PDB file of N, CA and C in Angstrom:
ATOM      1  N   MET A   1     -16.106  10.029  -9.312  1.00  0.00           N
ATOM      2  CA  MET A   1     -16.346   9.039  -8.266  1.00  0.00           C
ATOM      3  C   MET A   1     -15.105   8.780  -7.420  1.00  0.00           C
ATOM      4  N   PHE A   2     -13.993   9.479  -7.716  1.00  0.00           N
ATOM      5  CA  PHE A   2     -12.765   9.285  -6.962  1.00  0.00           C
ATOM      6  C   PHE A   2     -12.993   9.513  -5.475  1.00  0.00           C
ATOM      7  N   ASP A   3     -13.883  10.455  -5.122  1.00  0.00           N
ATOM      8  CA  ASP A   3     -14.156  10.742  -3.721  1.00  0.00           C
ATOM      9  C   ASP A   3     -14.779   9.559  -2.997  1.00  0.00           C
ATOM     10  N   ASN A   4     -15.374   8.647  -3.737  1.00  0.00           N
ATOM     11  CA  ASN A   4     -16.020   7.493  -3.123  1.00  0.00           C
ATOM     12  C   ASN A   4     -15.089   6.291  -3.003  1.00  0.00           C
ATOM     13  N   LYS A   5     -13.833   6.455  -3.384  1.00  0.00           N
ATOM     14  CA  LYS A   5     -12.870   5.370  -3.254  1.00  0.00           C
ATOM     15  C   LYS A   5     -12.153   5.480  -1.921  1.00  0.00           C
ATOM     16  N   LEU A   6     -11.966   4.349  -1.312  1.00  0.00           N
ATOM     17  CA  LEU A   6     -11.142   4.278  -0.113  1.00  0.00           C
ATOM     18  C   LEU A   6      -9.687   4.302  -0.574  1.00  0.00           C
ATOM     19  N   ILE A   7      -8.941   5.258  -0.073  1.00  0.00           N
ATOM     20  CA  ILE A   7      -7.518   5.335  -0.381  1.00  0.00           C
ATOM     21  C   ILE A   7      -6.772   4.643   0.752  1.00  0.00           C
ATOM     22  N   VAL A   8      -5.976   3.637   0.388  1.00  0.00           N
ATOM     23  CA  VAL A   8      -5.176   2.927   1.375  1.00  0.00           C
ATOM     24  C   VAL A   8      -3.722   3.307   1.118  1.00  0.00           C
ATOM     25  N   LEU A   9      -3.144   4.044   2.046  1.00  0.00           N
ATOM     26  CA  LEU A   9      -1.754   4.459   1.941  1.00  0.00           C
ATOM     27  C   LEU A   9      -0.896   3.470   2.714  1.00  0.00           C
ATOM     28  N   TYR A  10       0.002   2.834   2.021  1.00  0.00           N
ATOM     29  CA  TYR A  10       0.899   1.841   2.629  1.00  0.00           C
ATOM     30  C   TYR A  10       2.296   2.439   2.642  1.00  0.00           C
ATOM     31  N   ARG A  11       2.826   2.637   3.836  1.00  0.00           N
ATOM     32  CA  ARG A  11       4.169   3.199   3.983  1.00  0.00           C
ATOM     33  C   ARG A  11       5.159   2.051   4.179  1.00  0.00           C
ATOM     34  N   LEU A  12       6.112   1.982   3.285  1.00  0.00           N
ATOM     35  CA  LEU A  12       7.048   0.863   3.226  1.00  0.00           C
ATOM     36  C   LEU A  12       8.399   1.244   3.821  1.00  0.00           C
ATOM     37  N   GLU A  13       8.880   0.419   4.732  1.00  0.00           N
ATOM     38  CA  GLU A  13      10.171   0.636   5.387  1.00  0.00           C
ATOM     39  C   GLU A  13      11.313   0.435   4.380  1.00  0.00           C
ATOM     40  N   PRO A  14      12.265   1.370   4.317  1.00  0.00           N
ATOM     41  CA  PRO A  14      13.416   1.197   3.412  1.00  0.00           C
ATOM     42  C   PRO A  14      14.195  -0.084   3.696  1.00  0.00           C
ATOM     43  N   GLY A  15      14.254  -0.511   4.945  1.00  0.00           N
ATOM     44  CA  GLY A  15      15.003  -1.700   5.317  1.00  0.00           C
ATOM     45  C   GLY A  15      14.512  -2.980   4.670  1.00  0.00           C
ATOM     46  N   CYS A  16      13.287  -2.984   4.173  1.00  0.00           N
ATOM     47  CA  CYS A  16      12.768  -4.194   3.531  1.00  0.00           C
ATOM     48  C   CYS A  16      13.522  -4.493   2.230  1.00  0.00           C
ATOM     49  N   LEU A  17      14.262  -3.496   1.726  1.00  0.00           N
ATOM     50  CA  LEU A  17      15.040  -3.689   0.499  1.00  0.00           C
ATOM     51  C   LEU A  17      16.504  -4.006   0.798  1.00  0.00           C
ATOM     52  N   GLY A  18      16.805  -4.310   2.064  1.00  0.00           N
ATOM     53  CA  GLY A  18      18.162  -4.664   2.448  1.00  0.00           C
ATOM     54  C   GLY A  18      18.871  -3.502   3.125  1.00  0.00           C
ATOM     55  N   PRO A  19      20.138  -3.714   3.463  1.00  0.00           N
ATOM     56  CA  PRO A  19      20.875  -2.702   4.217  1.00  0.00           C
ATOM     57  C   PRO A  19      21.036  -1.372   3.482  1.00  0.00           C
ATOM     58  N   ASP A  20      21.015  -1.392   2.156  1.00  0.00           N
ATOM     59  CA  ASP A  20      21.113  -0.147   1.388  1.00  0.00           C
ATOM     60  C   ASP A  20      19.749   0.282   0.855  1.00  0.00           C
ATOM     61  N   GLY A  21      18.693  -0.188   1.502  1.00  0.00           N
ATOM     62  CA  GLY A  21      17.333   0.104   1.054  1.00  0.00           C
ATOM     63  C   GLY A  21      17.017   1.581   0.966  1.00  0.00           C
ATOM     64  N   ILE A  22      17.622   2.382   1.810  1.00  0.00           N
ATOM     65  CA  ILE A  22      17.379   3.827   1.797  1.00  0.00           C
ATOM     66  C   ILE A  22      17.744   4.417   0.432  1.00  0.00           C
ATOM     67  N   ASP A  23      18.722   3.806  -0.246  1.00  0.00           N
ATOM     68  CA  ASP A  23      19.152   4.284  -1.567  1.00  0.00           C
ATOM     69  C   ASP A  23      18.200   3.855  -2.678  1.00  0.00           C
ATOM     70  N   HIS A  24      17.332   2.905  -2.391  1.00  0.00           N
ATOM     71  CA  HIS A  24      16.478   2.322  -3.435  1.00  0.00           C
ATOM     72  C   HIS A  24      14.982   2.533  -3.205  1.00  0.00           C
ATOM     73  N   ILE A  25      14.589   2.943  -2.011  1.00  0.00           N
ATOM     74  CA  ILE A  25      13.172   2.922  -1.653  1.00  0.00           C
ATOM     75  C   ILE A  25      12.305   3.818  -2.541  1.00  0.00           C
ATOM     76  N   ASP A  26      12.794   5.000  -2.897  1.00  0.00           N
ATOM     77  CA  ASP A  26      11.991   5.880  -3.757  1.00  0.00           C
ATOM     78  C   ASP A  26      11.754   5.254  -5.126  1.00  0.00           C
ATOM     79  N   THR A  27      12.825   4.738  -5.720  1.00  0.00           N
ATOM     80  CA  THR A  27      12.709   4.093  -7.032  1.00  0.00           C
ATOM     81  C   THR A  27      11.789   2.884  -6.953  1.00  0.00           C
ATOM     82  N   PHE A  28      11.993   2.072  -5.919  1.00  0.00           N
ATOM     83  CA  PHE A  28      11.145   0.887  -5.775  1.00  0.00           C
ATOM     84  C   PHE A  28       9.672   1.266  -5.633  1.00  0.00           C
ATOM     85  N   CYS A  29       9.378   2.235  -4.786  1.00  0.00           N
ATOM     86  CA  CYS A  29       7.978   2.625  -4.580  1.00  0.00           C
ATOM     87  C   CYS A  29       7.340   3.104  -5.879  1.00  0.00           C
ATOM     88  N   ASN A  30       8.075   3.860  -6.672  1.00  0.00           N
ATOM     89  CA  ASN A  30       7.547   4.336  -7.956  1.00  0.00           C
ATOM     90  C   ASN A  30       7.273   3.180  -8.910  1.00  0.00           C
ATOM     91  N   LEU A  31       8.210   2.249  -8.994  1.00  0.00           N
ATOM     92  CA  LEU A  31       8.021   1.085  -9.874  1.00  0.00           C
ATOM     93  C   LEU A  31       6.884   0.196  -9.378  1.00  0.00           C
ATOM     94  N   ALA A  32       6.885  -0.072  -8.092  1.00  0.00           N
ATOM     95  CA  ALA A  32       5.862  -0.954  -7.516  1.00  0.00           C
ATOM     96  C   ALA A  32       4.478  -0.338  -7.641  1.00  0.00           C
ATOM     97  N   GLN A  33       4.372   0.980  -7.492  1.00  0.00           N
ATOM     98  CA  GLN A  33       3.075   1.649  -7.590  1.00  0.00           C
ATOM     99  C   GLN A  33       2.423   1.376  -8.945  1.00  0.00           C
ATOM    100  N   GLN A  34       3.223   1.381  -9.988  1.00  0.00           N
ATOM    101  CA  GLN A  34       2.692   1.112 -11.333  1.00  0.00           C
ATOM    102  C   GLN A  34       2.132  -0.307 -11.423  1.00  0.00           C
ATOM    103  N   THR A  35       2.854  -1.264 -10.876  1.00  0.00           N
ATOM    104  CA  THR A  35       2.404  -2.651 -10.906  1.00  0.00           C
ATOM    105  C   THR A  35       1.188  -2.857  -9.997  1.00  0.00           C
ATOM    106  N   LEU A  36       1.217  -2.234  -8.840  1.00  0.00           N
ATOM    107  CA  LEU A  36       0.152  -2.430  -7.863  1.00  0.00           C
ATOM    108  C   LEU A  36      -1.135  -1.688  -8.225  1.00  0.00           C
ATOM    109  N   ALA A  37      -1.089  -0.860  -9.247  1.00  0.00           N
ATOM    110  CA  ALA A  37      -2.303  -0.180  -9.696  1.00  0.00           C
ATOM    111  C   ALA A  37      -3.377  -1.186 -10.095  1.00  0.00           C
ATOM    112  N   ALA A  38      -2.969  -2.401 -10.422  1.00  0.00           N
ATOM    113  CA  ALA A  38      -3.924  -3.457 -10.777  1.00  0.00           C
ATOM    114  C   ALA A  38      -4.799  -3.829  -9.584  1.00  0.00           C
ATOM    115  N   PHE A  39      -4.376  -3.484  -8.383  1.00  0.00           N
ATOM    116  CA  PHE A  39      -5.167  -3.781  -7.191  1.00  0.00           C
ATOM    117  C   PHE A  39      -6.246  -2.735  -6.948  1.00  0.00           C
ATOM    118  N   ASP A  40      -6.202  -1.641  -7.698  1.00  0.00           N
ATOM    119  CA  ASP A  40      -7.242  -0.635  -7.557  1.00  0.00           C
ATOM    120  C   ASP A  40      -8.570  -1.228  -8.030  1.00  0.00           C
ATOM    121  N   THR A  41      -9.619  -0.922  -7.301  1.00  0.00           N
ATOM    122  CA  THR A  41     -10.954  -1.394  -7.661  1.00  0.00           C
ATOM    123  C   THR A  41     -11.903  -0.202  -7.689  1.00  0.00           C
ATOM    124  N   ASP A  42     -13.161  -0.461  -7.909  1.00  0.00           N
ATOM    125  CA  ASP A  42     -14.155   0.607  -7.881  1.00  0.00           C
ATOM    126  C   ASP A  42     -14.274   1.218  -6.497  1.00  0.00           C
ATOM    127  N   SER A  43     -13.903   0.449  -5.479  1.00  0.00           N
ATOM    128  CA  SER A  43     -14.075   0.914  -4.101  1.00  0.00           C
ATOM    129  C   SER A  43     -12.772   1.261  -3.387  1.00  0.00           C
ATOM    130  N   CYS A  44     -11.627   0.892  -3.963  1.00  0.00           N
ATOM    131  CA  CYS A  44     -10.367   1.013  -3.233  1.00  0.00           C
ATOM    132  C   CYS A  44      -9.212   1.359  -4.170  1.00  0.00           C
ATOM    133  N   GLN A  45      -8.319   2.220  -3.693  1.00  0.00           N
ATOM    134  CA  GLN A  45      -7.093   2.536  -4.426  1.00  0.00           C
ATOM    135  C   GLN A  45      -5.928   2.447  -3.453  1.00  0.00           C
ATOM    136  N   TRP A  46      -4.851   1.794  -3.868  1.00  0.00           N
ATOM    137  CA  TRP A  46      -3.661   1.619  -3.039  1.00  0.00           C
ATOM    138  C   TRP A  46      -2.607   2.622  -3.452  1.00  0.00           C
ATOM    139  N   LEU A  47      -1.989   3.254  -2.479  1.00  0.00           N
ATOM    140  CA  LEU A  47      -0.864   4.148  -2.714  1.00  0.00           C
ATOM    141  C   LEU A  47       0.313   3.651  -1.875  1.00  0.00           C
ATOM    142  N   LEU A  48       1.475   3.693  -2.464  1.00  0.00           N
ATOM    143  CA  LEU A  48       2.679   3.202  -1.806  1.00  0.00           C
ATOM    144  C   LEU A  48       3.680   4.344  -1.696  1.00  0.00           C
ATOM    145  N   GLU A  49       4.247   4.511  -0.507  1.00  0.00           N
ATOM    146  CA  GLU A  49       5.280   5.529  -0.330  1.00  0.00           C
ATOM    147  C   GLU A  49       6.278   5.048   0.712  1.00  0.00           C
ATOM    148  N   PRO A  50       7.494   5.619   0.677  1.00  0.00           N
ATOM    149  CA  PRO A  50       8.500   5.246   1.681  1.00  0.00           C
ATOM    150  C   PRO A  50       8.064   5.683   3.079  1.00  0.00           C
ATOM    151  N   ARG A  51       8.476   4.916   4.064  1.00  0.00           N
ATOM    152  CA  ARG A  51       8.185   5.270   5.459  1.00  0.00           C
ATOM    153  C   ARG A  51       9.477   5.752   6.115  1.00  0.00           C
ATOM    154  N   PHE A  52       9.730   7.037   5.990  1.00  0.00           N
ATOM    155  CA  PHE A  52      10.916   7.636   6.584  1.00  0.00           C
ATOM    156  C   PHE A  52      10.646   8.064   8.020  1.00  0.00           C
ATOM    157  N   ASN A  53       9.408   8.347   8.327  1.00  0.00           N
ATOM    158  CA  ASN A  53       9.033   8.824   9.662  1.00  0.00           C
ATOM    159  C   ASN A  53       8.349   7.686  10.421  1.00  0.00           C
ATOM    160  N   LYS A  54       9.034   7.161  11.409  1.00  0.00           N
ATOM    161  CA  LYS A  54       8.494   6.039  12.187  1.00  0.00           C
ATOM    162  C   LYS A  54       7.296   6.443  13.041  1.00  0.00           C
ATOM    163  N   GLN A  55       7.072   7.748  13.186  1.00  0.00           N
ATOM    164  CA  GLN A  55       5.919   8.222  13.945  1.00  0.00           C
ATOM    165  C   GLN A  55       4.616   7.996  13.173  1.00  0.00           C
ATOM    166  N   LEU A  56       4.719   7.877  11.865  1.00  0.00           N
ATOM    167  CA  LEU A  56       3.538   7.656  11.034  1.00  0.00           C
ATOM    168  C   LEU A  56       3.204   6.167  10.989  1.00  0.00           C
ATOM    169  N   ASP A  57       1.925   5.869  10.993  1.00  0.00           N
ATOM    170  CA  ASP A  57       1.484   4.476  10.904  1.00  0.00           C
ATOM    171  C   ASP A  57       1.915   3.873   9.567  1.00  0.00           C
ATOM    172  N   GLU A  58       2.085   2.565   9.572  1.00  0.00           N
ATOM    173  CA  GLU A  58       2.440   1.864   8.341  1.00  0.00           C
ATOM    174  C   GLU A  58       1.318   1.985   7.310  1.00  0.00           C
ATOM    175  N   MET A  59       0.084   1.999   7.793  1.00  0.00           N
ATOM    176  CA  MET A  59      -1.056   2.108   6.887  1.00  0.00           C
ATOM    177  C   MET A  59      -1.960   3.241   7.332  1.00  0.00           C
ATOM    178  N   ALA A  60      -2.552   3.907   6.351  1.00  0.00           N
ATOM    179  CA  ALA A  60      -3.515   4.966   6.626  1.00  0.00           C
ATOM    180  C   ALA A  60      -4.654   4.817   5.629  1.00  0.00           C
ATOM    181  N   TYR A  61      -5.837   5.213   6.062  1.00  0.00           N
ATOM    182  CA  TYR A  61      -7.044   5.067   5.242  1.00  0.00           C
ATOM    183  C   TYR A  61      -7.719   6.426   5.115  1.00  0.00           C
ATOM    184  N   CYS A  62      -8.158   6.731   3.914  1.00  0.00           N
ATOM    185  CA  CYS A  62      -8.763   8.034   3.663  1.00  0.00           C
ATOM    186  C   CYS A  62      -9.948   7.852   2.710  1.00  0.00           C
ATOM    187  N   LEU A  63     -11.017   8.557   2.982  1.00  0.00           N
ATOM    188  CA  LEU A  63     -12.195   8.543   2.118  1.00  0.00           C
ATOM    189  C   LEU A  63     -12.711   9.971   2.022  1.00  0.00           C
ATOM    190  N   ALA A  64     -12.831  10.473   0.803  1.00  0.00           N
ATOM    191  CA  ALA A  64     -13.331  11.831   0.576  1.00  0.00           C
ATOM    192  C   ALA A  64     -12.554  12.849   1.423  1.00  0.00           C
ATOM    193  N   ASN A  65     -11.233  12.715   1.400  1.00  0.00           N
ATOM    194  CA  ASN A  65     -10.328  13.620   2.130  1.00  0.00           C
ATOM    195  C   ASN A  65     -10.494  13.582   3.641  1.00  0.00           C
ATOM    196  N   LYS A  66     -11.065  12.524   4.170  1.00  0.00           N
ATOM    197  CA  LYS A  66     -11.191  12.352   5.614  1.00  0.00           C
ATOM    198  C   LYS A  66     -10.463  11.080   6.017  1.00  0.00           C
ATOM    199  N   MET A  67      -9.671  11.175   7.067  1.00  0.00           N
ATOM    200  CA  MET A  67      -8.958  10.005   7.571  1.00  0.00           C
ATOM    201  C   MET A  67      -9.947   9.074   8.278  1.00  0.00           C
ATOM    202  N   LEU A  68      -9.761   7.782   8.057  1.00  0.00           N
ATOM    203  CA  LEU A  68     -10.607   6.762   8.684  1.00  0.00           C
ATOM    204  C   LEU A  68      -9.754   5.872   9.571  1.00  0.00           C
ATOM    205  N   THR A  69     -10.388   5.287  10.556  1.00  0.00           N
ATOM    206  CA  THR A  69      -9.731   4.243  11.333  1.00  0.00           C
ATOM    207  C   THR A  69      -9.762   2.957  10.517  1.00  0.00           C
ATOM    208  N   ARG A  70      -8.993   1.979  10.943  1.00  0.00           N
ATOM    209  CA  ARG A  70      -9.010   0.684  10.254  1.00  0.00           C
ATOM    210  C   ARG A  70     -10.415   0.067  10.290  1.00  0.00           C
ATOM    211  N   ALA A  71     -11.077   0.187  11.433  1.00  0.00           N
ATOM    212  CA  ALA A  71     -12.427  -0.368  11.569  1.00  0.00           C
ATOM    213  C   ALA A  71     -13.397   0.322  10.601  1.00  0.00           C
ATOM    214  N   GLN A  72     -13.277   1.632  10.453  1.00  0.00           N
ATOM    215  CA  GLN A  72     -14.144   2.358   9.534  1.00  0.00           C
ATOM    216  C   GLN A  72     -13.856   1.947   8.091  1.00  0.00           C
ATOM    217  N   ALA A  73     -12.580   1.766   7.766  1.00  0.00           N
ATOM    218  CA  ALA A  73     -12.202   1.342   6.411  1.00  0.00           C
ATOM    219  C   ALA A  73     -12.758  -0.048   6.115  1.00  0.00           C
ATOM    220  N   ALA A  74     -12.658  -0.948   7.092  1.00  0.00           N
ATOM    221  CA  ALA A  74     -13.183  -2.310   6.917  1.00  0.00           C
ATOM    222  C   ALA A  74     -14.688  -2.278   6.692  1.00  0.00           C
ATOM    223  N   LYS A  75     -15.372  -1.454   7.462  1.00  0.00           N
ATOM    224  CA  LYS A  75     -16.831  -1.336   7.326  1.00  0.00           C
ATOM    225  C   LYS A  75     -17.205  -0.791   5.951  1.00  0.00           C
ATOM    226  N   TYR A  76     -16.456   0.185   5.473  1.00  0.00           N
ATOM    227  CA  TYR A  76     -16.715   0.751   4.147  1.00  0.00           C
ATOM    228  C   TYR A  76     -16.567  -0.324   3.065  1.00  0.00           C
ATOM    229  N   LEU A  77     -15.485  -1.098   3.125  1.00  0.00           N
ATOM    230  CA  LEU A  77     -15.260  -2.132   2.114  1.00  0.00           C
ATOM    231  C   LEU A  77     -16.294  -3.242   2.185  1.00  0.00           C
ATOM    232  N   GLN A  78     -16.824  -3.513   3.373  1.00  0.00           N
ATOM    233  CA  GLN A  78     -17.868  -4.531   3.517  1.00  0.00           C
ATOM    234  C   GLN A  78     -19.092  -4.170   2.680  1.00  0.00           C
ATOM    235  N   ARG A  79     -19.346  -2.890   2.527  1.00  0.00           N
ATOM    236  CA  ARG A  79     -20.488  -2.450   1.704  1.00  0.00           C
ATOM    237  C   ARG A  79     -20.355  -2.920   0.267  1.00  0.00           C
ATOM    238  N   PHE A  80     -19.118  -3.179  -0.162  1.00  0.00           N
ATOM    239  CA  PHE A  80     -18.865  -3.633  -1.533  1.00  0.00           C
ATOM    240  C   PHE A  80     -18.563  -5.125  -1.583  1.00  0.00           C
ATOM    241  N   GLY A  81     -18.766  -5.798  -0.469  1.00  0.00           N
ATOM    242  CA  GLY A  81     -18.521  -7.237  -0.420  1.00  0.00           C
ATOM    243  C   GLY A  81     -17.057  -7.611  -0.288  1.00  0.00           C
ATOM    244  N   HIS A  82     -16.221  -6.679   0.169  1.00  0.00           N
ATOM    245  CA  HIS A  82     -14.791  -6.939   0.318  1.00  0.00           C
ATOM    246  C   HIS A  82     -14.426  -7.009   1.801  1.00  0.00           C
ATOM    247  N   ASP A  83     -13.462  -7.854   2.098  1.00  0.00           N
ATOM    248  CA  ASP A  83     -12.944  -7.974   3.458  1.00  0.00           C
ATOM    249  C   ASP A  83     -11.558  -7.327   3.487  1.00  0.00           C
ATOM    250  N   LEU A  84     -11.384  -6.308   4.315  1.00  0.00           N
ATOM    251  CA  LEU A  84     -10.126  -5.571   4.368  1.00  0.00           C
ATOM    252  C   LEU A  84      -8.946  -6.484   4.660  1.00  0.00           C
ATOM    253  N   GLU A  85      -9.121  -7.411   5.575  1.00  0.00           N
ATOM    254  CA  GLU A  85      -8.025  -8.328   5.919  1.00  0.00           C
ATOM    255  C   GLU A  85      -7.564  -9.129   4.703  1.00  0.00           C
ATOM    256  N   GLN A  86      -8.524  -9.677   3.960  1.00  0.00           N
ATOM    257  CA  GLN A  86      -8.190 -10.482   2.788  1.00  0.00           C
ATOM    258  C   GLN A  86      -7.563  -9.632   1.692  1.00  0.00           C
ATOM    259  N   VAL A  87      -8.121  -8.466   1.460  1.00  0.00           N
ATOM    260  CA  VAL A  87      -7.599  -7.572   0.433  1.00  0.00           C
ATOM    261  C   VAL A  87      -6.171  -7.159   0.772  1.00  0.00           C
ATOM    262  N   GLN A  88      -5.953  -6.838   2.035  1.00  0.00           N
ATOM    263  CA  GLN A  88      -4.621  -6.430   2.470  1.00  0.00           C
ATOM    264  C   GLN A  88      -3.630  -7.584   2.354  1.00  0.00           C
ATOM    265  N   GLU A  89      -4.054  -8.784   2.691  1.00  0.00           N
ATOM    266  CA  GLU A  89      -3.174  -9.943   2.598  1.00  0.00           C
ATOM    267  C   GLU A  89      -2.722 -10.188   1.162  1.00  0.00           C
ATOM    268  N   VAL A  90      -3.645 -10.095   0.217  1.00  0.00           N
ATOM    269  CA  VAL A  90      -3.300 -10.277  -1.196  1.00  0.00           C
ATOM    270  C   VAL A  90      -2.333  -9.177  -1.641  1.00  0.00           C
ATOM    271  N   PHE A  91      -2.611  -7.937  -1.221  1.00  0.00           N
ATOM    272  CA  PHE A  91      -1.742  -6.813  -1.556  1.00  0.00           C
ATOM    273  C   PHE A  91      -0.332  -7.042  -1.001  1.00  0.00           C
ATOM    274  N   GLU A  92      -0.225  -7.441   0.247  1.00  0.00           N
ATOM    275  CA  GLU A  92       1.079  -7.643   0.873  1.00  0.00           C
ATOM    276  C   GLU A  92       1.835  -8.812   0.249  1.00  0.00           C
ATOM    277  N   ASP A  93       1.124  -9.858  -0.167  1.00  0.00           N
ATOM    278  CA  ASP A  93       1.771 -10.974  -0.859  1.00  0.00           C
ATOM    279  C   ASP A  93       2.384 -10.499  -2.177  1.00  0.00           C
ATOM    280  N   LYS A  94       1.634  -9.711  -2.923  1.00  0.00           N
ATOM    281  CA  LYS A  94       2.128  -9.184  -4.194  1.00  0.00           C
ATOM    282  C   LYS A  94       3.304  -8.242  -3.948  1.00  0.00           C
ATOM    283  N   LEU A  95       3.200  -7.410  -2.920  1.00  0.00           N
ATOM    284  CA  LEU A  95       4.279  -6.492  -2.581  1.00  0.00           C
ATOM    285  C   LEU A  95       5.547  -7.265  -2.210  1.00  0.00           C
ATOM    286  N   THR A  96       5.404  -8.326  -1.465  1.00  0.00           N
ATOM    287  CA  THR A  96       6.548  -9.171  -1.107  1.00  0.00           C
ATOM    288  C   THR A  96       7.203  -9.747  -2.353  1.00  0.00           C
ATOM    289  N   ASP A  97       6.392 -10.213  -3.299  1.00  0.00           N
ATOM    290  CA  ASP A  97       6.927 -10.729  -4.568  1.00  0.00           C
ATOM    291  C   ASP A  97       7.729  -9.647  -5.293  1.00  0.00           C
ATOM    292  N   LEU A  98       7.183  -8.437  -5.341  1.00  0.00           N
ATOM    293  CA  LEU A  98       7.862  -7.329  -6.019  1.00  0.00           C
ATOM    294  C   LEU A  98       9.176  -6.971  -5.323  1.00  0.00           C
ATOM    295  N   ILE A  99       9.171  -6.987  -3.995  1.00  0.00           N
ATOM    296  CA  ILE A  99      10.400  -6.712  -3.238  1.00  0.00           C
ATOM    297  C   ILE A  99      11.454  -7.760  -3.564  1.00  0.00           C
ATOM    298  N   ASN A 100      11.056  -9.017  -3.556  1.00  0.00           N
ATOM    299  CA  ASN A 100      12.000 -10.105  -3.848  1.00  0.00           C
ATOM    300  C   ASN A 100      12.563  -9.990  -5.270  1.00  0.00           C
ATOM    301  N   GLN A 101      11.708  -9.651  -6.225  1.00  0.00           N
ATOM    302  CA  GLN A 101      12.165  -9.463  -7.609  1.00  0.00           C
ATOM    303  C   GLN A 101      13.147  -8.296  -7.705  1.00  0.00           C
ATOM    304  N   TYR A 102      12.835  -7.216  -7.029  1.00  0.00           N
ATOM    305  CA  TYR A 102      13.691  -6.030  -7.060  1.00  0.00           C
ATOM    306  C   TYR A 102      15.058  -6.336  -6.451  1.00  0.00           C
ATOM    307  N   ILE A 103      15.064  -6.993  -5.300  1.00  0.00           N
ATOM    308  CA  ILE A 103      16.337  -7.346  -4.640  1.00  0.00           C
ATOM    309  C   ILE A 103      17.152  -8.280  -5.529  1.00  0.00           C
ATOM    310  N   ALA A 104      16.513  -9.234  -6.172  1.00  0.00           N
ATOM    311  CA  ALA A 104      17.219 -10.166  -7.056  1.00  0.00           C
ATOM    312  C   ALA A 104      17.846  -9.425  -8.233  1.00  0.00           C
ATOM    313  N   ARG A 105      17.144  -8.424  -8.766  1.00  0.00           N
ATOM    314  CA  ARG A 105      17.660  -7.666  -9.907  1.00  0.00           C
ATOM    315  C   ARG A 105      18.832  -6.769  -9.524  1.00  0.00           C
ATOM    316  N   LYS A 106      18.794  -6.188  -8.321  1.00  0.00           N
ATOM    317  CA  LYS A 106      19.869  -5.267  -7.960  1.00  0.00           C
ATOM    318  C   LYS A 106      21.110  -5.992  -7.446  1.00  0.00           C
ATOM    319  N   SER A 107      20.991  -7.297  -7.243  1.00  0.00           N
ATOM    320  CA  SER A 107      22.147  -8.081  -6.745  1.00  0.00           C
ATOM    321  C   SER A 107      23.125  -8.388  -7.848  1.00  0.00           C
TER     322      SER A 107
END
């Protein structure tokens, strides 16, 4: 059923980890991915990776190996009773908490 999951790829800017974020972004993304796996549902899976290429969108949506627009992703999640905006907000709040914890630990 993996093909029926909406994959949400979130590309995270190294600068969010401070001026030396480029040195930490890979490690942070790997650690955060493990914690954020709890946000995976029957309909959605979150993937986190560094955003080294500014030409790429911060977020990308994929279903059954096909790229979707944000509107298409929102419509897909509505079928499961989920609102993309709300789901994304909860995800970003948790991600912010993880960033703050990581920065506090490396200080």
